Protein backbone atom coordinates (compact mmCIF):
# COMPACT_ATOMS: atom_id res chain seq x y z
CA MET A 1 -40.34 27.86 5.87
CA ARG A 2 -38.61 28.71 9.15
CA ALA A 3 -34.87 28.07 9.40
CA PRO A 4 -33.43 27.55 12.88
CA PRO A 5 -32.16 30.93 14.09
CA TRP A 6 -28.69 29.67 14.95
CA LYS A 7 -28.17 28.55 11.33
CA SER A 8 -28.86 32.08 10.06
CA GLY A 9 -26.24 33.75 12.21
CA ALA A 10 -27.95 34.11 15.58
CA SER A 11 -26.50 32.52 18.72
CA ALA A 12 -27.36 28.91 19.35
CA PRO A 13 -29.93 28.48 22.16
CA ARG A 14 -28.39 27.86 25.55
CA LYS A 15 -30.55 24.86 26.35
CA ARG A 16 -29.18 22.14 24.12
CA PHE A 17 -29.64 18.45 23.39
CA GLU A 18 -26.08 17.52 24.32
CA ILE A 19 -24.29 14.22 24.26
CA ASN A 20 -24.05 14.20 28.07
CA ALA A 21 -27.64 15.17 28.72
CA GLY A 22 -30.47 12.73 29.36
CA PHE A 23 -33.99 12.96 28.00
CA SER A 24 -36.75 13.91 30.36
CA PRO A 25 -40.45 13.90 29.55
CA GLY A 26 -41.93 17.29 28.85
CA SER A 27 -38.48 18.89 28.56
CA TYR A 28 -37.12 21.07 25.80
CA SER A 29 -37.06 19.30 22.45
CA PRO A 30 -34.15 19.91 20.05
CA ILE A 31 -36.63 19.76 17.20
CA ASP A 32 -38.05 23.07 18.46
CA ASP A 33 -34.90 24.89 17.40
CA GLY A 34 -33.82 22.73 14.50
CA LEU A 35 -31.09 21.01 16.49
CA PHE A 36 -32.26 17.52 15.62
CA PRO A 37 -31.63 16.10 12.12
CA HIS A 38 -34.68 16.80 9.99
CA PRO A 39 -35.49 16.15 6.32
CA LEU A 40 -35.13 19.87 5.69
CA TYR A 41 -31.83 20.18 7.56
CA PRO A 42 -29.81 16.99 7.05
CA LEU A 43 -26.33 16.68 8.51
CA ARG A 44 -23.61 17.59 6.02
CA GLN A 45 -19.91 16.85 5.84
CA THR A 46 -19.29 20.48 6.77
CA ASP A 47 -21.38 20.38 9.94
CA THR A 48 -19.56 21.27 13.14
CA ALA A 49 -18.76 18.80 15.92
CA GLN A 50 -21.46 20.42 18.03
CA GLU A 51 -24.03 19.75 15.31
CA ILE A 52 -22.88 16.15 14.89
CA MET A 53 -23.57 15.66 18.58
CA THR A 54 -27.25 15.92 17.73
CA ASP A 55 -27.01 13.03 15.24
CA PRO A 56 -29.02 10.03 16.59
CA PHE A 57 -26.47 7.54 15.21
CA ALA A 58 -23.60 9.36 16.92
CA LEU A 59 -25.61 9.66 20.13
CA ALA A 60 -26.35 5.91 20.11
CA GLU A 61 -22.69 5.16 19.44
CA SER A 62 -21.57 7.38 22.33
CA ALA A 63 -24.02 5.75 24.76
CA ALA A 64 -22.97 2.28 23.62
CA GLN A 65 -19.29 3.05 24.10
CA LEU A 66 -19.87 4.33 27.63
CA ILE A 67 -21.65 1.11 28.60
CA LEU A 68 -19.05 -1.15 26.95
CA ALA A 69 -16.21 0.79 28.60
CA ARG A 70 -17.52 -0.32 32.00
CA THR A 71 -17.53 -4.08 31.35
CA PRO A 72 -15.26 -6.63 29.68
CA LEU A 73 -18.32 -8.52 28.42
CA ARG A 74 -19.53 -8.11 24.85
CA PRO A 75 -23.12 -9.35 24.87
CA GLN A 76 -24.96 -10.15 21.66
CA ILE A 77 -28.35 -10.62 23.33
CA GLY A 78 -30.35 -7.77 24.81
CA LEU A 79 -33.25 -8.00 27.25
CA VAL A 80 -35.96 -5.43 27.90
CA LEU A 81 -37.68 -6.26 31.18
CA GLY A 82 -41.14 -4.76 31.63
CA SER A 83 -43.40 -3.93 34.57
CA GLY A 84 -42.89 -6.31 37.47
CA LEU A 85 -40.44 -8.47 35.47
CA GLY A 86 -37.17 -6.65 36.13
CA GLY A 87 -36.04 -9.02 38.88
CA PHE A 88 -34.29 -11.26 36.37
CA ALA A 89 -31.55 -8.66 35.97
CA ASP A 90 -30.78 -8.90 39.71
CA SER A 91 -29.78 -12.53 39.28
CA VAL A 92 -27.13 -12.15 36.58
CA THR A 93 -23.51 -12.69 37.58
CA ASP A 94 -20.36 -10.67 36.82
CA ALA A 95 -22.76 -7.78 36.61
CA THR A 96 -22.08 -4.16 35.79
CA ARG A 97 -25.03 -1.92 36.62
CA VAL A 98 -25.28 1.44 34.92
CA PRO A 99 -28.13 3.80 35.89
CA TYR A 100 -29.84 5.26 32.86
CA ALA A 101 -29.00 8.71 34.25
CA ASP A 102 -25.30 7.92 33.68
CA ILE A 103 -25.75 7.01 30.02
CA PRO A 104 -25.51 9.91 27.55
CA SER A 105 -28.87 10.84 26.01
CA PHE A 106 -30.61 7.81 27.56
CA PRO A 107 -34.28 8.36 28.44
CA GLN A 108 -35.18 8.13 32.12
CA SER A 109 -37.95 5.77 33.20
CA THR A 110 -40.70 7.30 35.34
CA ALA A 111 -43.07 4.30 35.47
CA ILE A 112 -43.60 2.39 38.71
CA GLY A 113 -41.90 -1.01 38.60
CA HIS A 114 -39.12 0.12 36.24
CA ALA A 115 -35.77 0.41 38.06
CA GLY A 116 -34.05 2.38 35.31
CA ARG A 117 -30.73 0.53 34.99
CA MET A 118 -28.74 -1.17 32.28
CA VAL A 119 -27.29 -4.41 33.62
CA VAL A 120 -24.55 -6.18 31.68
CA GLY A 121 -23.68 -9.59 33.04
CA LYS A 122 -24.03 -13.33 32.58
CA ALA A 123 -27.18 -15.43 32.74
CA GLY A 124 -25.53 -18.78 33.21
CA SER A 125 -22.80 -18.73 30.58
CA VAL A 126 -24.57 -16.26 28.29
CA ALA A 127 -23.54 -12.61 28.29
CA VAL A 128 -26.57 -10.32 28.21
CA ALA A 129 -27.37 -6.63 28.34
CA ALA A 130 -30.58 -6.20 30.29
CA MET A 131 -32.69 -3.09 30.49
CA GLN A 132 -34.24 -3.10 33.93
CA GLY A 133 -37.23 -1.02 32.92
CA ARG A 134 -38.19 0.88 29.77
CA VAL A 135 -39.79 4.19 28.84
CA HIS A 136 -43.17 4.66 27.21
CA LEU A 137 -44.90 7.09 24.90
CA TYR A 138 -47.38 7.91 27.66
CA GLU A 139 -44.55 9.32 29.78
CA GLY A 140 -44.22 12.12 27.27
CA TYR A 141 -41.42 10.68 25.18
CA SER A 142 -41.42 10.61 21.38
CA ALA A 143 -41.20 7.34 19.47
CA HIS A 144 -37.59 8.20 18.64
CA GLU A 145 -36.77 8.62 22.34
CA VAL A 146 -38.61 5.43 23.32
CA THR A 147 -36.53 3.44 20.84
CA PHE A 148 -33.19 5.11 21.55
CA PRO A 149 -32.19 2.24 23.91
CA ILE A 150 -32.76 -0.24 21.06
CA ARG A 151 -30.53 1.90 18.85
CA VAL A 152 -27.91 1.73 21.61
CA PHE A 153 -28.26 -2.05 21.72
CA GLY A 154 -27.53 -2.15 18.01
CA ARG A 155 -24.37 -0.09 18.41
CA MET A 156 -23.28 -2.37 21.28
CA GLY A 157 -23.32 -5.33 18.91
CA ILE A 158 -26.63 -6.84 20.05
CA ARG A 159 -28.02 -9.21 17.39
CA ALA A 160 -31.11 -10.53 19.19
CA VAL A 161 -33.46 -9.03 21.75
CA ILE A 162 -35.94 -10.60 24.12
CA LEU A 163 -38.65 -8.09 24.94
CA THR A 164 -41.01 -8.65 27.85
CA ASN A 165 -44.07 -6.76 28.97
CA ALA A 166 -47.11 -6.82 31.18
CA ALA A 167 -50.30 -7.00 29.13
CA GLY A 168 -54.05 -7.15 29.48
CA GLY A 169 -55.60 -10.40 28.33
CA ILE A 170 -58.29 -10.11 25.65
CA ASN A 171 -58.33 -13.73 24.53
CA LEU A 172 -60.70 -15.61 26.82
CA GLY A 173 -58.40 -18.62 26.64
CA TYR A 174 -55.86 -16.76 28.75
CA SER A 175 -55.92 -16.42 32.50
CA GLN A 176 -54.18 -14.00 34.82
CA GLY A 177 -50.49 -14.94 35.03
CA ALA A 178 -50.38 -16.63 31.61
CA LEU A 179 -47.22 -16.24 29.52
CA VAL A 180 -47.83 -15.45 25.86
CA LEU A 181 -45.40 -15.35 22.95
CA ILE A 182 -46.18 -12.44 20.67
CA ARG A 183 -46.40 -13.63 17.07
CA ASP A 184 -47.51 -10.30 15.59
CA HIS A 185 -48.71 -6.87 16.63
CA ILE A 186 -51.23 -4.18 15.73
CA ASN A 187 -49.80 -0.68 16.05
CA LEU A 188 -52.53 1.63 17.39
CA GLN A 189 -50.16 4.04 19.12
CA GLY A 190 -50.55 6.69 16.45
CA THR A 191 -46.83 6.94 15.72
CA ASN A 192 -43.88 5.07 14.27
CA PRO A 193 -40.22 5.42 15.30
CA LEU A 194 -39.15 5.39 11.65
CA ALA A 195 -41.18 8.46 10.71
CA GLY A 196 -39.02 11.31 9.43
CA ALA A 197 -35.73 11.18 7.58
CA ASN A 198 -34.29 7.67 7.36
CA ASP A 199 -30.73 7.07 8.51
CA ASP A 200 -29.33 4.35 6.24
CA ARG A 201 -26.68 3.58 8.86
CA PHE A 202 -29.46 2.13 11.01
CA GLY A 203 -31.44 0.43 8.27
CA VAL A 204 -33.47 0.69 5.09
CA ARG A 205 -36.27 3.17 4.49
CA PHE A 206 -39.03 0.54 4.29
CA PRO A 207 -38.16 -2.47 6.48
CA ASP A 208 -40.22 -5.63 6.06
CA MET A 209 -42.33 -6.59 9.07
CA THR A 210 -43.73 -9.90 7.80
CA GLN A 211 -41.71 -11.86 10.36
CA ALA A 212 -41.19 -9.12 12.93
CA TYR A 213 -41.25 -11.75 15.67
CA SER A 214 -38.84 -14.58 14.88
CA ARG A 215 -40.67 -17.82 14.16
CA ALA A 216 -37.52 -19.82 14.95
CA TYR A 217 -37.21 -18.18 18.36
CA ARG A 218 -40.88 -18.81 19.13
CA GLU A 219 -40.43 -22.48 18.28
CA THR A 220 -37.39 -22.60 20.54
CA ALA A 221 -39.34 -21.00 23.39
CA GLN A 222 -42.19 -23.49 22.95
CA GLU A 223 -39.79 -26.43 23.05
CA GLU A 224 -38.15 -25.19 26.24
CA ALA A 225 -41.51 -24.41 27.84
CA ARG A 226 -42.68 -27.97 27.22
CA LYS A 227 -39.55 -29.31 28.92
CA LEU A 228 -40.34 -27.12 31.93
CA GLY A 229 -44.01 -28.11 31.96
CA VAL A 230 -45.00 -24.50 31.29
CA THR A 231 -47.97 -23.59 29.13
CA LEU A 232 -46.91 -20.96 26.65
CA HIS A 233 -49.60 -19.34 24.52
CA GLU A 234 -49.13 -17.36 21.31
CA GLY A 235 -51.08 -14.29 20.30
CA VAL A 236 -51.33 -10.89 18.65
CA TYR A 237 -50.43 -7.84 20.75
CA ALA A 238 -52.23 -4.53 20.27
CA GLY A 239 -50.10 -1.54 21.25
CA LEU A 240 -52.00 1.52 22.48
CA LEU A 241 -50.77 4.88 23.70
CA GLY A 242 -52.07 4.83 27.30
CA PRO A 243 -51.75 5.69 30.12
CA SER A 244 -55.46 5.17 30.76
CA TYR A 245 -56.57 1.58 30.58
CA GLU A 246 -58.90 0.69 27.74
CA THR A 247 -62.67 0.87 27.97
CA PRO A 248 -64.78 -2.29 27.56
CA ALA A 249 -65.92 -0.98 24.16
CA GLU A 250 -62.31 -0.55 23.06
CA ILE A 251 -61.49 -4.08 24.19
CA GLU A 252 -64.43 -5.41 22.17
CA TYR A 253 -63.09 -3.54 19.14
CA LEU A 254 -59.61 -4.94 19.67
CA ARG A 255 -60.98 -8.47 19.91
CA ARG A 256 -62.85 -8.03 16.63
CA ILE A 257 -59.73 -6.89 14.77
CA GLY A 258 -57.72 -9.88 15.98
CA ALA A 259 -55.92 -8.80 19.15
CA ASP A 260 -55.32 -11.30 21.95
CA LEU A 261 -53.41 -8.91 24.22
CA VAL A 262 -53.22 -5.20 24.82
CA GLY A 263 -50.47 -3.03 26.25
CA MET A 264 -48.66 0.30 26.07
CA SER A 265 -45.14 -0.68 24.99
CA THR A 266 -43.06 -3.05 22.82
CA VAL A 267 -44.38 -2.16 19.34
CA ALA A 268 -42.01 0.76 18.68
CA GLU A 269 -39.08 -1.24 20.07
CA VAL A 270 -39.81 -4.12 17.71
CA ILE A 271 -40.02 -1.79 14.71
CA ALA A 272 -36.68 -0.19 15.58
CA ALA A 273 -35.05 -3.58 16.21
CA ARG A 274 -36.17 -4.98 12.88
CA HIS A 275 -35.07 -1.78 11.16
CA MET A 276 -31.55 -2.63 12.33
CA GLY A 277 -31.79 -6.34 11.54
CA ILE A 278 -32.00 -7.38 15.19
CA SER A 279 -34.03 -10.55 15.72
CA VAL A 280 -36.90 -10.42 18.20
CA LEU A 281 -38.52 -12.73 20.72
CA ALA A 282 -41.29 -11.09 22.75
CA ILE A 283 -43.07 -12.51 25.77
CA SER A 284 -46.10 -10.98 27.48
CA CYS A 285 -47.23 -11.75 30.99
CA VAL A 286 -51.00 -11.44 31.28
CA THR A 287 -51.04 -9.47 34.51
CA ASN A 288 -54.75 -8.69 34.33
CA MET A 289 -57.71 -9.48 32.15
CA ALA A 290 -58.71 -6.52 29.99
CA ALA A 291 -61.57 -4.16 30.80
CA GLY A 292 -65.03 -5.68 30.72
CA ILE A 293 -63.89 -9.30 30.84
CA LEU A 294 -64.03 -9.49 34.63
CA ASP A 295 -66.40 -7.42 36.71
CA GLN A 296 -63.68 -5.50 38.52
CA PRO A 297 -61.62 -2.32 38.04
CA LEU A 298 -58.05 -2.42 36.72
CA SER A 299 -55.03 -1.22 38.68
CA HIS A 300 -51.26 -1.05 38.26
CA ALA A 301 -50.83 -2.68 41.67
CA GLU A 302 -52.46 -5.79 40.23
CA VAL A 303 -49.92 -5.72 37.37
CA LEU A 304 -46.98 -5.67 39.78
CA GLU A 305 -48.47 -8.34 42.04
CA THR A 306 -49.02 -10.74 39.14
CA GLY A 307 -45.51 -10.10 37.82
CA GLU A 308 -44.12 -11.08 41.20
CA ARG A 309 -46.25 -14.24 41.26
CA VAL A 310 -45.02 -15.54 37.89
CA LYS A 311 -41.45 -14.38 38.44
CA SER A 312 -40.01 -17.86 39.02
CA THR A 313 -41.67 -19.41 35.95
CA PHE A 314 -40.73 -16.47 33.78
CA GLU A 315 -37.08 -16.52 34.85
CA SER A 316 -36.83 -20.29 34.36
CA LEU A 317 -38.11 -19.91 30.81
CA LEU A 318 -35.65 -17.10 30.07
CA ARG A 319 -32.72 -19.14 31.39
CA ALA A 320 -33.73 -22.10 29.24
CA VAL A 321 -34.15 -20.06 26.07
CA LEU A 322 -31.04 -17.86 26.31
CA PRO A 323 -28.36 -20.51 25.55
CA ARG A 324 -30.21 -21.65 22.45
CA ILE A 325 -30.65 -18.13 21.12
CA ALA A 326 -26.98 -17.43 21.90
CA LYS A 327 -26.03 -20.50 19.86
CA ASP A 328 -28.16 -19.34 16.93
CA VAL A 329 -26.61 -15.87 17.05
CA ALA A 330 -23.09 -17.30 17.18
CA GLU A 331 -23.84 -19.49 14.17
CA GLY A 332 -25.40 -16.57 12.31
CA SER A 333 -28.72 -18.35 12.01
CA ASP A 334 -30.80 -15.86 13.97
CA ALA A 335 -33.90 -14.85 12.01
C-alpha cells in the first residue's frame, strides 16, 4: 500500500492543492500524492497547518469567509443558476459580485452560458447568494469538486437552496420552455459526492434521500405559479454524465425507468445539500425535447435561446417564491 512520499520523509511536491488555488479541469489532483484526506490517511490532531489546508471542511470555511468578508449581507438562501438562466443574478440589488477565480479553491466554470460569479445581494427584501453558473462532471471535475460550492454555501449559513437547470424533456406532456419542479431524481452519473471518508462536520455517513426535494417548497412554488398564471409541472430528473446528448435508445430507456427529464447537473449538488441538512427546491427549464422525440438534432444554442425566452416567467416565479422560503427558513420550518 503506497504511502505519499512526503509523509515518509521526502520533500512535499511543489505543485500543491493550496487554499488560494482554484480547481481547473484536468489539472493536478491532490489525491495523486496523498494530499487530500483519504480513508487511509485521515487528518490527525498532530497534522501541520499545511496539511490542514487540504481539509475540505477548512477549504469550504475559508472560501465562505472570503465571500462574507466582502458583503454586509448574511443570506440564508442560495441559488444555483444553470445554462441560460443566470440573468436573474444581474437583477439583484446591493450586490457584491465575486468571480469564482477570486474564491479560494472554487472550481472554475468552463461551460457556455455560465458566467462564473458568486453574487450576494437582495432579491426584493430577501438576501440571497447566487451562483451565476455551475461546474459539471463532464468538464473534468470530480463529484467532490462539483459540490464544493454547495459546501461553501453551508459554511456561509445557507439553509435552503434553489437549484435551476436546463433539461431535455422526456415526458410527452412537456413542451419546449416548460418549467418543471423536480420531485425526485435518478442518479446515472456513475459517482456520488459522498463516496470516500465521511466528514461528520458536514453530515452523517448515510443521509436519507426520501424527501431530497422539499415537498413543502414544491407546494409553495405551485401556489405562487397559480397566482402568476404559470403552468408548473412536476417530474423525475435523470442525471447523466454528458457531455454528449443522449441517444434515442437511451431516452427510451430513461422513459421506461420513470424519468421525465434528463440533464447533466443538479444530482450531486442535491446529495451534498441534503448531507448538510440544507433544504432543496429544484426547477428545470425544458430547453429542448430529448433525442428522438422531435425529428431534429440537439444543440446547446437551442438551450440558451430557450432559456432567454422563458427568462421573464422564470424570474417572476423566483421572486414570488423567495419571500415565502425566507419566511420558512426564519421560522425554522424549512424541510
